[in-house]
Amino acid sequence: MIRKTGAGRHYGEEFAERRLEAEAALLLVRKAFVIVIYHVWERGARRCVPQPRKKPKHADLVAALTEALIVIDKAGLEELRLLATA
């Protein structure tokens, strides 16, 4: 016997819809986390090295940190930047 919800839908259909909604919400939370982490790094980098520009770009910050002999993971930061701006 197949049970139906009040609207004539199967429980399986309802479950699949709820699962898709949960996956979309999880993706949104992950994206927000990446954005926050990137901007925390960006603010910290701005404090570590003074910039002549009011709003330095990612490449400016990386160059200034490298010039100041501060070790950074350039590839990892680039991935983070791409994820945050996607």
PDB file of N, CA and C in Angstrom:
ATOM      1  N   MET A   1       0.837  -1.173   0.000  1.00  0.00           N
ATOM      2  CA  MET A   1       0.000   0.000   0.000  1.00  0.00           C
ATOM      3  C   MET A   1       0.886   1.241   0.000  1.00  0.00           C
ATOM      4  N   ILE A   2       0.620   2.152  -0.893  1.00  0.00           N
ATOM      5  CA  ILE A   2       1.370   3.398  -0.993  1.00  0.00           C
ATOM      6  C   ILE A   2       0.601   4.486  -0.271  1.00  0.00           C
ATOM      7  N   ARG A   3       1.287   5.120   0.674  1.00  0.00           N
ATOM      8  CA  ARG A   3       0.644   6.196   1.419  1.00  0.00           C
ATOM      9  C   ARG A   3       0.799   7.502   0.677  1.00  0.00           C
ATOM     10  N   LYS A   4      -0.195   8.320   0.802  1.00  0.00           N
ATOM     11  CA  LYS A   4      -0.164   9.630   0.166  1.00  0.00           C
ATOM     12  C   LYS A   4      -0.322  10.718   1.214  1.00  0.00           C
ATOM     13  N   THR A   5       0.243  11.862   0.896  1.00  0.00           N
ATOM     14  CA  THR A   5       0.012  13.005   1.774  1.00  0.00           C
ATOM     15  C   THR A   5      -1.365  13.561   1.468  1.00  0.00           C
ATOM     16  N   GLY A   6      -1.784  14.551   2.213  1.00  0.00           N
ATOM     17  CA  GLY A   6      -3.111  15.110   2.031  1.00  0.00           C
ATOM     18  C   GLY A   6      -3.356  15.685   0.651  1.00  0.00           C
ATOM     19  N   ALA A   7      -2.332  16.132  -0.037  1.00  0.00           N
ATOM     20  CA  ALA A   7      -2.496  16.771  -1.337  1.00  0.00           C
ATOM     21  C   ALA A   7      -2.465  15.759  -2.476  1.00  0.00           C
ATOM     22  N   GLY A   8      -2.499  14.465  -2.180  1.00  0.00           N
ATOM     23  CA  GLY A   8      -2.494  13.455  -3.217  1.00  0.00           C
ATOM     24  C   GLY A   8      -1.098  13.114  -3.723  1.00  0.00           C
ATOM     25  N   ARG A   9      -0.077  13.519  -2.971  1.00  0.00           N
ATOM     26  CA  ARG A   9       1.299  13.231  -3.375  1.00  0.00           C
ATOM     27  C   ARG A   9       1.831  12.065  -2.558  1.00  0.00           C
ATOM     28  N   HIS A  10       2.725  11.330  -3.146  1.00  0.00           N
ATOM     29  CA  HIS A  10       3.348  10.225  -2.437  1.00  0.00           C
ATOM     30  C   HIS A  10       4.378  10.760  -1.452  1.00  0.00           C
ATOM     31  N   TYR A  11       4.590  10.016  -0.379  1.00  0.00           N
ATOM     32  CA  TYR A  11       5.587  10.405   0.607  1.00  0.00           C
ATOM     33  C   TYR A  11       6.978  10.495  -0.028  1.00  0.00           C
ATOM     34  N   GLY A  12       7.258   9.607  -0.959  1.00  0.00           N
ATOM     35  CA  GLY A  12       8.560   9.614  -1.626  1.00  0.00           C
ATOM     36  C   GLY A  12       8.796  10.902  -2.385  1.00  0.00           C
ATOM     37  N   GLU A  13       7.767  11.397  -3.050  1.00  0.00           N
ATOM     38  CA  GLU A  13       7.884  12.661  -3.781  1.00  0.00           C
ATOM     39  C   GLU A  13       8.129  13.811  -2.813  1.00  0.00           C
ATOM     40  N   GLU A  14       7.404  13.803  -1.728  1.00  0.00           N
ATOM     41  CA  GLU A  14       7.562  14.848  -0.714  1.00  0.00           C
ATOM     42  C   GLU A  14       8.976  14.807  -0.126  1.00  0.00           C
ATOM     43  N   PHE A  15       9.451  13.607   0.166  1.00  0.00           N
ATOM     44  CA  PHE A  15      10.789  13.454   0.719  1.00  0.00           C
ATOM     45  C   PHE A  15      11.841  13.954  -0.269  1.00  0.00           C
ATOM     46  N   ALA A  16      11.708  13.617  -1.528  1.00  0.00           N
ATOM     47  CA  ALA A  16      12.673  14.042  -2.547  1.00  0.00           C
ATOM     48  C   ALA A  16      12.697  15.569  -2.667  1.00  0.00           C
ATOM     49  N   GLU A  17      11.536  16.175  -2.602  1.00  0.00           N
ATOM     50  CA  GLU A  17      11.463  17.632  -2.678  1.00  0.00           C
ATOM     51  C   GLU A  17      12.134  18.279  -1.464  1.00  0.00           C
ATOM     52  N   ARG A  18      11.864  17.740  -0.291  1.00  0.00           N
ATOM     53  CA  ARG A  18      12.485  18.279   0.933  1.00  0.00           C
ATOM     54  C   ARG A  18      14.003  18.090   0.906  1.00  0.00           C
ATOM     55  N   ARG A  19      14.444  16.967   0.365  1.00  0.00           N
ATOM     56  CA  ARG A  19      15.881  16.716   0.274  1.00  0.00           C
ATOM     57  C   ARG A  19      16.544  17.737  -0.642  1.00  0.00           C
ATOM     58  N   LEU A  20      15.936  18.034  -1.778  1.00  0.00           N
ATOM     59  CA  LEU A  20      16.486  19.042  -2.684  1.00  0.00           C
ATOM     60  C   LEU A  20      16.549  20.412  -2.024  1.00  0.00           C
ATOM     61  N   GLU A  21      15.517  20.754  -1.274  1.00  0.00           N
ATOM     62  CA  GLU A  21      15.513  22.032  -0.549  1.00  0.00           C
ATOM     63  C   GLU A  21      16.632  22.077   0.487  1.00  0.00           C
ATOM     64  N   ALA A  22      16.853  20.968   1.193  1.00  0.00           N
ATOM     65  CA  ALA A  22      17.910  20.904   2.204  1.00  0.00           C
ATOM     66  C   ALA A  22      19.287  21.013   1.557  1.00  0.00           C
ATOM     67  N   GLU A  23      19.476  20.364   0.417  1.00  0.00           N
ATOM     68  CA  GLU A  23      20.756  20.440  -0.282  1.00  0.00           C
ATOM     69  C   GLU A  23      21.021  21.863  -0.779  1.00  0.00           C
ATOM     70  N   ALA A  24      19.997  22.539  -1.264  1.00  0.00           N
ATOM     71  CA  ALA A  24      20.149  23.927  -1.716  1.00  0.00           C
ATOM     72  C   ALA A  24      20.498  24.841  -0.541  1.00  0.00           C
ATOM     73  N   ALA A  25      19.872  24.611   0.606  1.00  0.00           N
ATOM     74  CA  ALA A  25      20.167  25.416   1.797  1.00  0.00           C
ATOM     75  C   ALA A  25      21.587  25.168   2.269  1.00  0.00           C
ATOM     76  N   LEU A  26      22.037  23.923   2.232  1.00  0.00           N
ATOM     77  CA  LEU A  26      23.400  23.594   2.637  1.00  0.00           C
ATOM     78  C   LEU A  26      24.420  24.254   1.710  1.00  0.00           C
ATOM     79  N   LEU A  27      24.151  24.265   0.428  1.00  0.00           N
ATOM     80  CA  LEU A  27      25.036  24.922  -0.533  1.00  0.00           C
ATOM     81  C   LEU A  27      25.118  26.418  -0.241  1.00  0.00           C
ATOM     82  N   LEU A  28      24.001  27.021   0.105  1.00  0.00           N
ATOM     83  CA  LEU A  28      23.966  28.441   0.443  1.00  0.00           C
ATOM     84  C   LEU A  28      24.794  28.738   1.697  1.00  0.00           C
ATOM     85  N   VAL A  29      24.694  27.876   2.700  1.00  0.00           N
ATOM     86  CA  VAL A  29      25.475  28.049   3.932  1.00  0.00           C
ATOM     87  C   VAL A  29      26.968  27.899   3.640  1.00  0.00           C
ATOM     88  N   ARG A  30      27.317  26.924   2.815  1.00  0.00           N
ATOM     89  CA  ARG A  30      28.733  26.740   2.457  1.00  0.00           C
ATOM     90  C   ARG A  30      29.276  27.954   1.718  1.00  0.00           C
ATOM     91  N   LYS A  31      28.505  28.475   0.799  1.00  0.00           N
ATOM     92  CA  LYS A  31      28.920  29.657   0.033  1.00  0.00           C
ATOM     93  C   LYS A  31      29.115  30.853   0.979  1.00  0.00           C
ATOM     94  N   ALA A  32      28.195  31.046   1.909  1.00  0.00           N
ATOM     95  CA  ALA A  32      28.312  32.142   2.873  1.00  0.00           C
ATOM     96  C   ALA A  32      29.567  31.979   3.720  1.00  0.00           C
ATOM     97  N   PHE A  33      29.873  30.759   4.132  1.00  0.00           N
ATOM     98  CA  PHE A  33      31.063  30.498   4.933  1.00  0.00           C
ATOM     99  C   PHE A  33      32.326  30.858   4.154  1.00  0.00           C
ATOM    100  N   VAL A  34      32.396  30.468   2.893  1.00  0.00           N
ATOM    101  CA  VAL A  34      33.560  30.766   2.054  1.00  0.00           C
ATOM    102  C   VAL A  34      33.725  32.275   1.899  1.00  0.00           C
ATOM    103  N   ILE A  35      32.643  32.968   1.676  1.00  0.00           N
ATOM    104  CA  ILE A  35      32.700  34.429   1.514  1.00  0.00           C
ATOM    105  C   ILE A  35      33.224  35.085   2.790  1.00  0.00           C
ATOM    106  N   VAL A  36      32.729  34.649   3.931  1.00  0.00           N
ATOM    107  CA  VAL A  36      33.165  35.217   5.206  1.00  0.00           C
ATOM    108  C   VAL A  36      34.651  34.943   5.432  1.00  0.00           C
ATOM    109  N   ILE A  37      35.085  33.718   5.198  1.00  0.00           N
ATOM    110  CA  ILE A  37      36.497  33.364   5.402  1.00  0.00           C
ATOM    111  C   ILE A  37      37.389  34.208   4.498  1.00  0.00           C
ATOM    112  N   TYR A  38      37.007  34.381   3.241  1.00  0.00           N
ATOM    113  CA  TYR A  38      37.827  35.176   2.323  1.00  0.00           C
ATOM    114  C   TYR A  38      37.916  36.624   2.800  1.00  0.00           C
ATOM    115  N   HIS A  39      36.810  37.191   3.208  1.00  0.00           N
ATOM    116  CA  HIS A  39      36.832  38.596   3.619  1.00  0.00           C
ATOM    117  C   HIS A  39      37.552  38.807   4.948  1.00  0.00           C
ATOM    118  N   VAL A  40      37.532  37.814   5.820  1.00  0.00           N
ATOM    119  CA  VAL A  40      38.329  37.897   7.049  1.00  0.00           C
ATOM    120  C   VAL A  40      39.811  37.915   6.675  1.00  0.00           C
ATOM    121  N   TRP A  41      40.217  37.046   5.732  1.00  0.00           N
ATOM    122  CA  TRP A  41      41.611  37.061   5.276  1.00  0.00           C
ATOM    123  C   TRP A  41      41.958  38.409   4.644  1.00  0.00           C
ATOM    124  N   GLU A  42      41.060  38.913   3.826  1.00  0.00           N
ATOM    125  CA  GLU A  42      41.303  40.174   3.129  1.00  0.00           C
ATOM    126  C   GLU A  42      41.508  41.325   4.122  1.00  0.00           C
ATOM    127  N   ARG A  43      40.662  41.395   5.128  1.00  0.00           N
ATOM    128  CA  ARG A  43      40.801  42.450   6.143  1.00  0.00           C
ATOM    129  C   ARG A  43      42.110  42.304   6.919  1.00  0.00           C
ATOM    130  N   GLY A  44      42.460  41.089   7.259  1.00  0.00           N
ATOM    131  CA  GLY A  44      43.721  40.849   7.958  1.00  0.00           C
ATOM    132  C   GLY A  44      44.919  41.231   7.109  1.00  0.00           C
ATOM    133  N   ALA A  45      44.859  40.920   5.832  1.00  0.00           N
ATOM    134  CA  ALA A  45      45.956  41.265   4.922  1.00  0.00           C
ATOM    135  C   ALA A  45      46.091  42.778   4.802  1.00  0.00           C
ATOM    136  N   ARG A  46      44.976  43.486   4.774  1.00  0.00           N
ATOM    137  CA  ARG A  46      45.027  44.948   4.694  1.00  0.00           C
ATOM    138  C   ARG A  46      45.682  45.555   5.939  1.00  0.00           C
ATOM    139  N   ARG A  47      45.471  44.928   7.092  1.00  0.00           N
ATOM    140  CA  ARG A  47      46.081  45.429   8.319  1.00  0.00           C
ATOM    141  C   ARG A  47      47.576  45.131   8.369  1.00  0.00           C
ATOM    142  N   CYS A  48      47.972  44.015   7.773  1.00  0.00           N
ATOM    143  CA  CYS A  48      49.391  43.616   7.815  1.00  0.00           C
ATOM    144  C   CYS A  48      50.268  44.497   6.947  1.00  0.00           C
ATOM    145  N   VAL A  49      49.770  44.893   5.810  1.00  0.00           N
ATOM    146  CA  VAL A  49      50.572  45.700   4.887  1.00  0.00           C
ATOM    147  C   VAL A  49      49.757  46.898   4.426  1.00  0.00           C
ATOM    148  N   PRO A  50      50.241  48.087   4.693  1.00  0.00           N
ATOM    149  CA  PRO A  50      49.518  49.275   4.230  1.00  0.00           C
ATOM    150  C   PRO A  50      49.492  49.324   2.701  1.00  0.00           C
ATOM    151  N   GLN A  51      48.383  49.769   2.173  1.00  0.00           N
ATOM    152  CA  GLN A  51      48.200  49.821   0.723  1.00  0.00           C
ATOM    153  C   GLN A  51      48.040  51.266   0.262  1.00  0.00           C
ATOM    154  N   PRO A  52      48.657  51.606  -0.869  1.00  0.00           N
ATOM    155  CA  PRO A  52      48.468  52.957  -1.405  1.00  0.00           C
ATOM    156  C   PRO A  52      47.051  53.162  -1.949  1.00  0.00           C
ATOM    157  N   ARG A  53      46.432  52.091  -2.421  1.00  0.00           N
ATOM    158  CA  ARG A  53      45.068  52.186  -2.951  1.00  0.00           C
ATOM    159  C   ARG A  53      44.064  52.043  -1.817  1.00  0.00           C
ATOM    160  N   LYS A  54      42.948  52.742  -1.948  1.00  0.00           N
ATOM    161  CA  LYS A  54      41.914  52.653  -0.919  1.00  0.00           C
ATOM    162  C   LYS A  54      41.289  51.259  -0.888  1.00  0.00           C
ATOM    163  N   LYS A  55      41.044  50.703  -2.061  1.00  0.00           N
ATOM    164  CA  LYS A  55      40.471  49.355  -2.157  1.00  0.00           C
ATOM    165  C   LYS A  55      41.393  48.474  -3.005  1.00  0.00           C
ATOM    166  N   PRO A  56      42.411  47.885  -2.378  1.00  0.00           N
ATOM    167  CA  PRO A  56      43.335  47.049  -3.154  1.00  0.00           C
ATOM    168  C   PRO A  56      42.652  45.779  -3.647  1.00  0.00           C
ATOM    169  N   LYS A  57      43.097  45.311  -4.792  1.00  0.00           N
ATOM    170  CA  LYS A  57      42.577  44.063  -5.348  1.00  0.00           C
ATOM    171  C   LYS A  57      43.340  42.894  -4.736  1.00  0.00           C
ATOM    172  N   HIS A  58      42.853  41.701  -5.002  1.00  0.00           N
ATOM    173  CA  HIS A  58      43.466  40.487  -4.472  1.00  0.00           C
ATOM    174  C   HIS A  58      44.948  40.420  -4.845  1.00  0.00           C
ATOM    175  N   ALA A  59      45.250  40.669  -6.101  1.00  0.00           N
ATOM    176  CA  ALA A  59      46.640  40.603  -6.571  1.00  0.00           C
ATOM    177  C   ALA A  59      47.514  41.628  -5.845  1.00  0.00           C
ATOM    178  N   ASP A  60      46.962  42.794  -5.555  1.00  0.00           N
ATOM    179  CA  ASP A  60      47.717  43.820  -4.818  1.00  0.00           C
ATOM    180  C   ASP A  60      48.063  43.333  -3.417  1.00  0.00           C
ATOM    181  N   LEU A  61      47.107  42.709  -2.760  1.00  0.00           N
ATOM    182  CA  LEU A  61      47.340  42.206  -1.404  1.00  0.00           C
ATOM    183  C   LEU A  61      48.372  41.079  -1.406  1.00  0.00           C
ATOM    184  N   VAL A  62      48.245  40.164  -2.355  1.00  0.00           N
ATOM    185  CA  VAL A  62      49.194  39.050  -2.447  1.00  0.00           C
ATOM    186  C   VAL A  62      50.599  39.581  -2.703  1.00  0.00           C
ATOM    187  N   ALA A  63      50.715  40.528  -3.622  1.00  0.00           N
ATOM    188  CA  ALA A  63      52.027  41.108  -3.930  1.00  0.00           C
ATOM    189  C   ALA A  63      52.618  41.823  -2.716  1.00  0.00           C
ATOM    190  N   ALA A  64      51.806  42.580  -2.003  1.00  0.00           N
ATOM    191  CA  ALA A  64      52.293  43.315  -0.832  1.00  0.00           C
ATOM    192  C   ALA A  64      52.725  42.361   0.280  1.00  0.00           C
ATOM    193  N   LEU A  65      51.965  41.301   0.495  1.00  0.00           N
ATOM    194  CA  LEU A  65      52.332  40.325   1.523  1.00  0.00           C
ATOM    195  C   LEU A  65      53.620  39.601   1.149  1.00  0.00           C
ATOM    196  N   THR A  66      53.747  39.242  -0.115  1.00  0.00           N
ATOM    197  CA  THR A  66      54.959  38.571  -0.589  1.00  0.00           C
ATOM    198  C   THR A  66      56.161  39.494  -0.447  1.00  0.00           C
ATOM    199  N   GLU A  67      55.976  40.748  -0.809  1.00  0.00           N
ATOM    200  CA  GLU A  67      57.051  41.738  -0.695  1.00  0.00           C
ATOM    201  C   GLU A  67      57.460  41.948   0.765  1.00  0.00           C
ATOM    202  N   ALA A  68      56.506  41.850   1.668  1.00  0.00           N
ATOM    203  CA  ALA A  68      56.792  42.011   3.100  1.00  0.00           C
ATOM    204  C   ALA A  68      57.314  40.710   3.726  1.00  0.00           C
ATOM    205  N   LEU A  69      57.576  39.709   2.871  1.00  0.00           N
ATOM    206  CA  LEU A  69      58.106  38.405   3.295  1.00  0.00           C
ATOM    207  C   LEU A  69      57.151  37.646   4.213  1.00  0.00           C
ATOM    208  N   ILE A  70      55.863  37.861   4.033  1.00  0.00           N
ATOM    209  CA  ILE A  70      54.841  37.108   4.769  1.00  0.00           C
ATOM    210  C   ILE A  70      54.456  35.917   3.904  1.00  0.00           C
ATOM    211  N   VAL A  71      54.624  34.725   4.452  1.00  0.00           N
ATOM    212  CA  VAL A  71      54.372  33.499   3.699  1.00  0.00           C
ATOM    213  C   VAL A  71      52.869  33.255   3.604  1.00  0.00           C
ATOM    214  N   ILE A  72      52.397  33.057   2.375  1.00  0.00           N
ATOM    215  CA  ILE A  72      50.975  32.770   2.140  1.00  0.00           C
ATOM    216  C   ILE A  72      50.850  31.611   1.157  1.00  0.00           C
ATOM    217  N   ASP A  73      49.719  30.979   1.170  1.00  0.00           N
ATOM    218  CA  ASP A  73      49.407  29.902   0.231  1.00  0.00           C
ATOM    219  C   ASP A  73      48.694  30.536  -0.967  1.00  0.00           C
ATOM    220  N   LYS A  74      49.465  30.928  -1.967  1.00  0.00           N
ATOM    221  CA  LYS A  74      48.899  31.651  -3.111  1.00  0.00           C
ATOM    222  C   LYS A  74      47.844  30.833  -3.842  1.00  0.00           C
ATOM    223  N   ALA A  75      48.116  29.554  -4.071  1.00  0.00           N
ATOM    224  CA  ALA A  75      47.165  28.705  -4.796  1.00  0.00           C
ATOM    225  C   ALA A  75      45.870  28.530  -3.993  1.00  0.00           C
ATOM    226  N   GLY A  76      46.013  28.299  -2.697  1.00  0.00           N
ATOM    227  CA  GLY A  76      44.835  28.136  -1.845  1.00  0.00           C
ATOM    228  C   GLY A  76      44.004  29.410  -1.765  1.00  0.00           C
ATOM    229  N   LEU A  77      44.703  30.547  -1.666  1.00  0.00           N
ATOM    230  CA  LEU A  77      43.988  31.828  -1.621  1.00  0.00           C
ATOM    231  C   LEU A  77      43.287  32.123  -2.940  1.00  0.00           C
ATOM    232  N   GLU A  78      43.906  31.749  -4.039  1.00  0.00           N
ATOM    233  CA  GLU A  78      43.276  31.953  -5.343  1.00  0.00           C
ATOM    234  C   GLU A  78      42.002  31.110  -5.463  1.00  0.00           C
ATOM    235  N   GLU A  79      42.075  29.867  -4.989  1.00  0.00           N
ATOM    236  CA  GLU A  79      40.876  29.014  -4.993  1.00  0.00           C
ATOM    237  C   GLU A  79      39.779  29.617  -4.125  1.00  0.00           C
ATOM    238  N   LEU A  80      40.175  30.089  -2.946  1.00  0.00           N
ATOM    239  CA  LEU A  80      39.212  30.716  -2.038  1.00  0.00           C
ATOM    240  C   LEU A  80      38.588  31.948  -2.672  1.00  0.00           C
ATOM    241  N   ARG A  81      39.415  32.763  -3.313  1.00  0.00           N
ATOM    242  CA  ARG A  81      38.912  33.973  -3.995  1.00  0.00           C
ATOM    243  C   ARG A  81      37.920  33.612  -5.098  1.00  0.00           C
ATOM    244  N   LEU A  82      38.265  32.602  -5.885  1.00  0.00           N
ATOM    245  CA  LEU A  82      37.371  32.177  -6.973  1.00  0.00           C
ATOM    246  C   LEU A  82      36.037  31.669  -6.432  1.00  0.00           C
ATOM    247  N   LEU A  83      36.092  30.915  -5.343  1.00  0.00           N
ATOM    248  CA  LEU A  83      34.861  30.406  -4.735  1.00  0.00           C
ATOM    249  C   LEU A  83      34.024  31.546  -4.174  1.00  0.00           C
ATOM    250  N   ALA A  84      34.691  32.517  -3.555  1.00  0.00           N
ATOM    251  CA  ALA A  84      33.959  33.626  -2.923  1.00  0.00           C
ATOM    252  C   ALA A  84      33.339  34.559  -3.957  1.00  0.00           C
ATOM    253  N   THR A  85      33.957  34.664  -5.123  1.00  0.00           N
ATOM    254  CA  THR A  85      33.437  35.578  -6.135  1.00  0.00           C
ATOM    255  C   THR A  85      32.604  34.893  -7.206  1.00  0.00           C
ATOM    256  N   ALA A  86      32.437  33.596  -7.088  1.00  0.00           N
ATOM    257  CA  ALA A  86      31.657  32.856  -8.097  1.00  0.00           C
ATOM    258  C   ALA A  86      30.172  33.073  -7.943  1.00  0.00           C
TER     259      ALA A  86
END
